[in-house]
Amino acid sequence: MSQSMFSYSTFGGGDVAFRLTNNPVSQCFGFWLRSSDAGFKNNLAILLSVIQTQGQITVNADDTSGNHWSGSTSAYCIVTSLQL
């Protein structure tokens, strides 16, 4: 599932970014979860469970440049939903 995942204790208030081995959105280098979003904890729990079980996940993301993560010069797109 995940090629890499990282979390920041202070940047963005605790943003989580990750990359997938099989990237479903070609315009996105990776994906990110904004810690201030209402669904952050639920999405993080789903992401962690998929990593632990080595399961499959479907990521839907907003690939418009205004929603790219500011923590990287690469295009990390904000997650809009996760599906198991």
PDB file of N, CA and C in Angstrom:
ATOM      1  N   MET A   1       0.824  -1.182   0.000  1.00  0.00           N
ATOM      2  CA  MET A   1       0.000   0.000   0.000  1.00  0.00           C
ATOM      3  C   MET A   1       0.864   1.240   0.000  1.00  0.00           C
ATOM      4  N   SER A   2       1.515   1.527   1.095  1.00  0.00           N
ATOM      5  CA  SER A   2       2.244   2.783   1.216  1.00  0.00           C
ATOM      6  C   SER A   2       3.704   2.595   0.846  1.00  0.00           C
ATOM      7  N   GLN A   3       4.191   3.479   0.023  1.00  0.00           N
ATOM      8  CA  GLN A   3       5.611   3.493  -0.291  1.00  0.00           C
ATOM      9  C   GLN A   3       6.355   4.220   0.823  1.00  0.00           C
ATOM     10  N   SER A   4       5.750   5.271   1.336  1.00  0.00           N
ATOM     11  CA  SER A   4       6.313   6.002   2.459  1.00  0.00           C
ATOM     12  C   SER A   4       5.220   6.834   3.114  1.00  0.00           C
ATOM     13  N   MET A   5       5.415   7.101   4.393  1.00  0.00           N
ATOM     14  CA  MET A   5       4.456   7.904   5.144  1.00  0.00           C
ATOM     15  C   MET A   5       5.241   8.699   6.171  1.00  0.00           C
ATOM     16  N   PHE A   6       4.879   9.963   6.346  1.00  0.00           N
ATOM     17  CA  PHE A   6       5.563  10.763   7.345  1.00  0.00           C
ATOM     18  C   PHE A   6       4.600  11.734   7.991  1.00  0.00           C
ATOM     19  N   SER A   7       4.910  12.081   9.227  1.00  0.00           N
ATOM     20  CA  SER A   7       4.074  12.972  10.014  1.00  0.00           C
ATOM     21  C   SER A   7       4.939  14.064  10.617  1.00  0.00           C
ATOM     22  N   TYR A   8       4.388  15.249  10.722  1.00  0.00           N
ATOM     23  CA  TYR A   8       5.112  16.376  11.298  1.00  0.00           C
ATOM     24  C   TYR A   8       4.460  16.774  12.610  1.00  0.00           C
ATOM     25  N   SER A   9       5.255  16.913  13.640  1.00  0.00           N
ATOM     26  CA  SER A   9       4.704  17.257  14.953  1.00  0.00           C
ATOM     27  C   SER A   9       4.238  18.705  15.017  1.00  0.00           C
ATOM     28  N   THR A  10       4.859  19.600  14.253  1.00  0.00           N
ATOM     29  CA  THR A  10       4.450  20.995  14.308  1.00  0.00           C
ATOM     30  C   THR A  10       4.052  21.558  12.951  1.00  0.00           C
ATOM     31  N   PHE A  11       4.675  21.120  11.865  1.00  0.00           N
ATOM     32  CA  PHE A  11       4.356  21.692  10.553  1.00  0.00           C
ATOM     33  C   PHE A  11       2.891  21.427  10.217  1.00  0.00           C
ATOM     34  N   GLY A  12       2.155  22.481   9.945  1.00  0.00           N
ATOM     35  CA  GLY A  12       0.744  22.338   9.618  1.00  0.00           C
ATOM     36  C   GLY A  12      -0.086  21.844  10.786  1.00  0.00           C
ATOM     37  N   GLY A  13       0.480  21.849  11.975  1.00  0.00           N
ATOM     38  CA  GLY A  13      -0.247  21.375  13.141  1.00  0.00           C
ATOM     39  C   GLY A  13      -0.303  19.861  13.245  1.00  0.00           C
ATOM     40  N   GLY A  14       0.554  19.177  12.499  1.00  0.00           N
ATOM     41  CA  GLY A  14       0.597  17.723  12.557  1.00  0.00           C
ATOM     42  C   GLY A  14       0.139  17.042  11.270  1.00  0.00           C
ATOM     43  N   ASP A  15       0.381  17.668  10.128  1.00  0.00           N
ATOM     44  CA  ASP A  15       0.008  17.085   8.843  1.00  0.00           C
ATOM     45  C   ASP A  15       0.644  15.713   8.652  1.00  0.00           C
ATOM     46  N   VAL A  16      -0.044  14.867   7.905  1.00  0.00           N
ATOM     47  CA  VAL A  16       0.467  13.549   7.545  1.00  0.00           C
ATOM     48  C   VAL A  16       0.507  13.475   6.023  1.00  0.00           C
ATOM     49  N   ALA A  17       1.644  13.076   5.483  1.00  0.00           N
ATOM     50  CA  ALA A  17       1.788  12.920   4.037  1.00  0.00           C
ATOM     51  C   ALA A  17       2.217  11.491   3.745  1.00  0.00           C
ATOM     52  N   PHE A  18       1.818  10.994   2.581  1.00  0.00           N
ATOM     53  CA  PHE A  18       2.198   9.628   2.210  1.00  0.00           C
ATOM     54  C   PHE A  18       2.256   9.486   0.700  1.00  0.00           C
ATOM     55  N   ARG A  19       2.982   8.462   0.279  1.00  0.00           N
ATOM     56  CA  ARG A  19       3.081   8.105  -1.135  1.00  0.00           C
ATOM     57  C   ARG A  19       2.655   6.662  -1.281  1.00  0.00           C
ATOM     58  N   LEU A  20       2.105   6.335  -2.431  1.00  0.00           N
ATOM     59  CA  LEU A  20       1.655   4.977  -2.703  1.00  0.00           C
ATOM     60  C   LEU A  20       2.527   4.329  -3.767  1.00  0.00           C
ATOM     61  N   THR A  21       2.678   3.029  -3.650  1.00  0.00           N
ATOM     62  CA  THR A  21       3.432   2.283  -4.653  1.00  0.00           C
ATOM     63  C   THR A  21       2.758   2.410  -6.011  1.00  0.00           C
ATOM     64  N   ASN A  22       1.446   2.237  -6.047  1.00  0.00           N
ATOM     65  CA  ASN A  22       0.664   2.399  -7.276  1.00  0.00           C
ATOM     66  C   ASN A  22      -0.168   3.660  -7.136  1.00  0.00           C
ATOM     67  N   ASN A  23       0.337   4.755  -7.674  1.00  0.00           N
ATOM     68  CA  ASN A  23      -0.304   6.056  -7.515  1.00  0.00           C
ATOM     69  C   ASN A  23      -1.567   6.139  -8.380  1.00  0.00           C
ATOM     70  N   PRO A  24      -2.746   6.322  -7.758  1.00  0.00           N
ATOM     71  CA  PRO A  24      -3.996   6.361  -8.522  1.00  0.00           C
ATOM     72  C   PRO A  24      -4.271   7.692  -9.233  1.00  0.00           C
ATOM     73  N   VAL A  25      -3.569   8.745  -8.862  1.00  0.00           N
ATOM     74  CA  VAL A  25      -3.796  10.059  -9.465  1.00  0.00           C
ATOM     75  C   VAL A  25      -2.467  10.535 -10.042  1.00  0.00           C
ATOM     76  N   SER A  26      -2.334  10.462 -11.355  1.00  0.00           N
ATOM     77  CA  SER A  26      -1.036  10.718 -11.990  1.00  0.00           C
ATOM     78  C   SER A  26      -0.497  12.128 -11.741  1.00  0.00           C
ATOM     79  N   GLN A  27      -1.371  13.094 -11.485  1.00  0.00           N
ATOM     80  CA  GLN A  27      -0.920  14.468 -11.250  1.00  0.00           C
ATOM     81  C   GLN A  27      -0.344  14.657  -9.844  1.00  0.00           C
ATOM     82  N   CYS A  28      -0.504  13.661  -8.988  1.00  0.00           N
ATOM     83  CA  CYS A  28      -0.068  13.780  -7.591  1.00  0.00           C
ATOM     84  C   CYS A  28       1.170  12.933  -7.343  1.00  0.00           C
ATOM     85  N   PHE A  29       2.196  13.559  -6.807  1.00  0.00           N
ATOM     86  CA  PHE A  29       3.406  12.844  -6.393  1.00  0.00           C
ATOM     87  C   PHE A  29       3.113  12.004  -5.157  1.00  0.00           C
ATOM     88  N   GLY A  30       2.231  12.525  -4.318  1.00  0.00           N
ATOM     89  CA  GLY A  30       1.820  11.863  -3.084  1.00  0.00           C
ATOM     90  C   GLY A  30       0.544  12.521  -2.589  1.00  0.00           C
ATOM     91  N   PHE A  31       0.182  12.225  -1.342  1.00  0.00           N
ATOM     92  CA  PHE A  31      -1.073  12.703  -0.782  1.00  0.00           C
ATOM     93  C   PHE A  31      -0.847  13.213   0.633  1.00  0.00           C
ATOM     94  N   TRP A  32      -1.772  14.033   1.114  1.00  0.00           N
ATOM     95  CA  TRP A  32      -1.633  14.529   2.483  1.00  0.00           C
ATOM     96  C   TRP A  32      -2.980  14.682   3.151  1.00  0.00           C
ATOM     97  N   LEU A  33      -2.930  14.563   4.481  1.00  0.00           N
ATOM     98  CA  LEU A  33      -4.081  14.762   5.348  1.00  0.00           C
ATOM     99  C   LEU A  33      -3.814  16.005   6.179  1.00  0.00           C
ATOM    100  N   ARG A  34      -4.745  16.947   6.152  1.00  0.00           N
ATOM    101  CA  ARG A  34      -4.599  18.186   6.934  1.00  0.00           C
ATOM    102  C   ARG A  34      -5.127  17.926   8.338  1.00  0.00           C
ATOM    103  N   SER A  35      -4.287  18.139   9.328  1.00  0.00           N
ATOM    104  CA  SER A  35      -4.644  17.802  10.708  1.00  0.00           C
ATOM    105  C   SER A  35      -5.840  18.590  11.227  1.00  0.00           C
ATOM    106  N   SER A  36      -6.121  19.741  10.649  1.00  0.00           N
ATOM    107  CA  SER A  36      -7.245  20.558  11.123  1.00  0.00           C
ATOM    108  C   SER A  36      -8.580  20.162  10.481  1.00  0.00           C
ATOM    109  N   ASP A  37      -8.572  19.253   9.511  1.00  0.00           N
ATOM    110  CA  ASP A  37      -9.818  18.825   8.872  1.00  0.00           C
ATOM    111  C   ASP A  37     -10.634  17.950   9.815  1.00  0.00           C
ATOM    112  N   ALA A  38     -11.943  18.053   9.722  1.00  0.00           N
ATOM    113  CA  ALA A  38     -12.845  17.312  10.614  1.00  0.00           C
ATOM    114  C   ALA A  38     -12.631  15.801  10.539  1.00  0.00           C
ATOM    115  N   GLY A  39     -12.331  15.269   9.373  1.00  0.00           N
ATOM    116  CA  GLY A  39     -12.173  13.828   9.208  1.00  0.00           C
ATOM    117  C   GLY A  39     -10.760  13.322   9.358  1.00  0.00           C
ATOM    118  N   PHE A  40      -9.842  14.167   9.840  1.00  0.00           N
ATOM    119  CA  PHE A  40      -8.433  13.788   9.926  1.00  0.00           C
ATOM    120  C   PHE A  40      -8.207  12.500  10.723  1.00  0.00           C
ATOM    121  N   LYS A  41      -8.761  12.432  11.924  1.00  0.00           N
ATOM    122  CA  LYS A  41      -8.515  11.264  12.781  1.00  0.00           C
ATOM    123  C   LYS A  41      -9.077   9.991  12.156  1.00  0.00           C
ATOM    124  N   ASN A  42     -10.248  10.072  11.554  1.00  0.00           N
ATOM    125  CA  ASN A  42     -10.828   8.895  10.912  1.00  0.00           C
ATOM    126  C   ASN A  42      -9.986   8.441   9.721  1.00  0.00           C
ATOM    127  N   ASN A  43      -9.565   9.407   8.888  1.00  0.00           N
ATOM    128  CA  ASN A  43      -8.743   9.054   7.729  1.00  0.00           C
ATOM    129  C   ASN A  43      -7.393   8.499   8.143  1.00  0.00           C
ATOM    130  N   LEU A  44      -6.802   9.064   9.184  1.00  0.00           N
ATOM    131  CA  LEU A  44      -5.525   8.560   9.671  1.00  0.00           C
ATOM    132  C   LEU A  44      -5.679   7.131  10.203  1.00  0.00           C
ATOM    133  N   ALA A  45      -6.767   6.869  10.916  1.00  0.00           N
ATOM    134  CA  ALA A  45      -7.012   5.521  11.431  1.00  0.00           C
ATOM    135  C   ALA A  45      -7.148   4.514  10.286  1.00  0.00           C
ATOM    136  N   ILE A  46      -7.863   4.892   9.230  1.00  0.00           N
ATOM    137  CA  ILE A  46      -7.998   4.009   8.069  1.00  0.00           C
ATOM    138  C   ILE A  46      -6.639   3.768   7.427  1.00  0.00           C
ATOM    139  N   LEU A  47      -5.881   4.811   7.242  1.00  0.00           N
ATOM    140  CA  LEU A  47      -4.558   4.696   6.623  1.00  0.00           C
ATOM    141  C   LEU A  47      -3.647   3.786   7.439  1.00  0.00           C
ATOM    142  N   LEU A  48      -3.637   3.956   8.740  1.00  0.00           N
ATOM    143  CA  LEU A  48      -2.791   3.121   9.600  1.00  0.00           C
ATOM    144  C   LEU A  48      -3.233   1.662   9.594  1.00  0.00           C
ATOM    145  N   SER A  49      -4.537   1.428   9.558  1.00  0.00           N
ATOM    146  CA  SER A  49      -5.018   0.041   9.536  1.00  0.00           C
ATOM    147  C   SER A  49      -4.633  -0.642   8.233  1.00  0.00           C
ATOM    148  N   VAL A  50      -4.674   0.080   7.135  1.00  0.00           N
ATOM    149  CA  VAL A  50      -4.288  -0.494   5.848  1.00  0.00           C
ATOM    150  C   VAL A  50      -2.797  -0.806   5.826  1.00  0.00           C
ATOM    151  N   ILE A  51      -2.006   0.061   6.409  1.00  0.00           N
ATOM    152  CA  ILE A  51      -0.564  -0.189   6.471  1.00  0.00           C
ATOM    153  C   ILE A  51      -0.281  -1.427   7.321  1.00  0.00           C
ATOM    154  N   GLN A  52      -0.920  -1.521   8.476  1.00  0.00           N
ATOM    155  CA  GLN A  52      -0.681  -2.658   9.375  1.00  0.00           C
ATOM    156  C   GLN A  52      -1.108  -3.980   8.773  1.00  0.00           C
ATOM    157  N   THR A  53      -2.197  -3.987   8.023  1.00  0.00           N
ATOM    158  CA  THR A  53      -2.704  -5.235   7.444  1.00  0.00           C
ATOM    159  C   THR A  53      -2.191  -5.469   6.026  1.00  0.00           C
ATOM    160  N   GLN A  54      -1.442  -4.497   5.514  1.00  0.00           N
ATOM    161  CA  GLN A  54      -0.951  -4.545   4.138  1.00  0.00           C
ATOM    162  C   GLN A  54      -2.101  -4.706   3.153  1.00  0.00           C
ATOM    163  N   GLY A  55      -3.204  -4.022   3.453  1.00  0.00           N
ATOM    164  CA  GLY A  55      -4.407  -4.091   2.634  1.00  0.00           C
ATOM    165  C   GLY A  55      -4.370  -3.136   1.459  1.00  0.00           C
ATOM    166  N   GLN A  56      -5.475  -3.104   0.762  1.00  0.00           N
ATOM    167  CA  GLN A  56      -5.640  -2.227  -0.395  1.00  0.00           C
ATOM    168  C   GLN A  56      -6.474  -1.013  -0.006  1.00  0.00           C
ATOM    169  N   ILE A  57      -6.192   0.110  -0.647  1.00  0.00           N
ATOM    170  CA  ILE A  57      -6.928   1.335  -0.364  1.00  0.00           C
ATOM    171  C   ILE A  57      -7.134   2.112  -1.658  1.00  0.00           C
ATOM    172  N   THR A  58      -8.241   2.810  -1.729  1.00  0.00           N
ATOM    173  CA  THR A  58      -8.502   3.721  -2.843  1.00  0.00           C
ATOM    174  C   THR A  58      -8.455   5.135  -2.283  1.00  0.00           C
ATOM    175  N   VAL A  59      -7.661   5.978  -2.918  1.00  0.00           N
ATOM    176  CA  VAL A  59      -7.511   7.362  -2.482  1.00  0.00           C
ATOM    177  C   VAL A  59      -8.152   8.275  -3.515  1.00  0.00           C
ATOM    178  N   ASN A  60      -9.002   9.154  -3.055  1.00  0.00           N
ATOM    179  CA  ASN A  60      -9.540  10.222  -3.899  1.00  0.00           C
ATOM    180  C   ASN A  60      -8.927  11.519  -3.383  1.00  0.00           C
ATOM    181  N   ALA A  61      -8.466  12.351  -4.304  1.00  0.00           N
ATOM    182  CA  ALA A  61      -7.755  13.558  -3.900  1.00  0.00           C
ATOM    183  C   ALA A  61      -8.080  14.714  -4.832  1.00  0.00           C
ATOM    184  N   ASP A  62      -7.913  15.911  -4.300  1.00  0.00           N
ATOM    185  CA  ASP A  62      -8.067  17.133  -5.082  1.00  0.00           C
ATOM    186  C   ASP A  62      -6.696  17.488  -5.632  1.00  0.00           C
ATOM    187  N   ASP A  63      -6.554  17.403  -6.950  1.00  0.00           N
ATOM    188  CA  ASP A  63      -5.240  17.628  -7.545  1.00  0.00           C
ATOM    189  C   ASP A  63      -5.027  19.052  -8.043  1.00  0.00           C
ATOM    190  N   THR A  64      -5.920  19.986  -7.704  1.00  0.00           N
ATOM    191  CA  THR A  64      -5.714  21.373  -8.122  1.00  0.00           C
ATOM    192  C   THR A  64      -4.578  21.978  -7.305  1.00  0.00           C
ATOM    193  N   SER A  65      -3.807  22.823  -7.935  1.00  0.00           N
ATOM    194  CA  SER A  65      -2.584  23.331  -7.305  1.00  0.00           C
ATOM    195  C   SER A  65      -2.838  24.086  -6.006  1.00  0.00           C
ATOM    196  N   GLY A  66      -4.009  24.674  -5.824  1.00  0.00           N
ATOM    197  CA  GLY A  66      -4.317  25.386  -4.589  1.00  0.00           C
ATOM    198  C   GLY A  66      -4.450  24.464  -3.392  1.00  0.00           C
ATOM    199  N   ASN A  67      -4.557  23.163  -3.649  1.00  0.00           N
ATOM    200  CA  ASN A  67      -4.697  22.188  -2.571  1.00  0.00           C
ATOM    201  C   ASN A  67      -3.481  21.293  -2.435  1.00  0.00           C
ATOM    202  N   HIS A  68      -2.358  21.713  -2.997  1.00  0.00           N
ATOM    203  CA  HIS A  68      -1.121  20.956  -2.826  1.00  0.00           C
ATOM    204  C   HIS A  68      -0.507  21.315  -1.475  1.00  0.00           C
ATOM    205  N   TRP A  69       0.150  20.336  -0.876  1.00  0.00           N
ATOM    206  CA  TRP A  69       0.761  20.515   0.431  1.00  0.00           C
ATOM    207  C   TRP A  69       1.937  21.480   0.333  1.00  0.00           C
ATOM    208  N   SER A  70       1.998  22.444   1.221  1.00  0.00           N
ATOM    209  CA  SER A  70       3.071  23.440   1.185  1.00  0.00           C
ATOM    210  C   SER A  70       4.377  22.928   1.775  1.00  0.00           C
ATOM    211  N   GLY A  71       4.377  21.708   2.311  1.00  0.00           N
ATOM    212  CA  GLY A  71       5.581  21.140   2.910  1.00  0.00           C
ATOM    213  C   GLY A  71       6.532  20.518   1.914  1.00  0.00           C
ATOM    214  N   SER A  72       6.192  20.569   0.626  1.00  0.00           N
ATOM    215  CA  SER A  72       7.051  19.965  -0.393  1.00  0.00           C
ATOM    216  C   SER A  72       6.917  20.732  -1.699  1.00  0.00           C
ATOM    217  N   THR A  73       7.969  20.714  -2.479  1.00  0.00           N
ATOM    218  CA  THR A  73       7.892  21.312  -3.811  1.00  0.00           C
ATOM    219  C   THR A  73       7.230  20.350  -4.790  1.00  0.00           C
ATOM    220  N   SER A  74       7.124  19.070  -4.433  1.00  0.00           N
ATOM    221  CA  SER A  74       6.413  18.094  -5.252  1.00  0.00           C
ATOM    222  C   SER A  74       4.916  18.202  -4.986  1.00  0.00           C
ATOM    223  N   ALA A  75       4.121  17.762  -5.925  1.00  0.00           N
ATOM    224  CA  ALA A  75       2.665  17.901  -5.830  1.00  0.00           C
ATOM    225  C   ALA A  75       2.054  16.817  -4.940  1.00  0.00           C
ATOM    226  N   TYR A  76       1.927  17.114  -3.650  1.00  0.00           N
ATOM    227  CA  TYR A  76       1.178  16.262  -2.725  1.00  0.00           C
ATOM    228  C   TYR A  76      -0.245  16.799  -2.696  1.00  0.00           C
ATOM    229  N   CYS A  77      -1.209  15.986  -3.132  1.00  0.00           N
ATOM    230  CA  CYS A  77      -2.600  16.411  -3.247  1.00  0.00           C
ATOM    231  C   CYS A  77      -3.374  16.074  -1.970  1.00  0.00           C
ATOM    232  N   ILE A  78      -4.293  16.946  -1.595  1.00  0.00           N
ATOM    233  CA  ILE A  78      -5.058  16.729  -0.374  1.00  0.00           C
ATOM    234  C   ILE A  78      -6.072  15.600  -0.576  1.00  0.00           C
ATOM    235  N   VAL A  79      -6.164  14.743   0.407  1.00  0.00           N
ATOM    236  CA  VAL A  79      -7.102  13.617   0.365  1.00  0.00           C
ATOM    237  C   VAL A  79      -8.522  14.123   0.606  1.00  0.00           C
ATOM    238  N   THR A  80      -9.448  13.693  -0.252  1.00  0.00           N
ATOM    239  CA  THR A  80     -10.854  14.022  -0.062  1.00  0.00           C
ATOM    240  C   THR A  80     -11.623  12.818   0.497  1.00  0.00           C
ATOM    241  N   SER A  81     -11.148  11.598   0.221  1.00  0.00           N
ATOM    242  CA  SER A  81     -11.760  10.413   0.807  1.00  0.00           C
ATOM    243  C   SER A  81     -10.837   9.208   0.653  1.00  0.00           C
ATOM    244  N   LEU A  82     -11.010   8.269   1.558  1.00  0.00           N
ATOM    245  CA  LEU A  82     -10.285   6.990   1.509  1.00  0.00           C
ATOM    246  C   LEU A  82     -11.321   5.891   1.513  1.00  0.00           C
ATOM    247  N   GLN A  83     -11.074   4.847   0.725  1.00  0.00           N
ATOM    248  CA  GLN A  83     -11.993   3.710   0.664  1.00  0.00           C
ATOM    249  C   GLN A  83     -11.206   2.424   0.815  1.00  0.00           C
ATOM    250  N   LEU A  84     -11.735   1.525   1.630  1.00  0.00           N
ATOM    251  CA  LEU A  84     -11.115   0.216   1.789  1.00  0.00           C
ATOM    252  C   LEU A  84     -11.727  -0.745   0.801  1.00  0.00           C
TER     253      LEU A  84
END
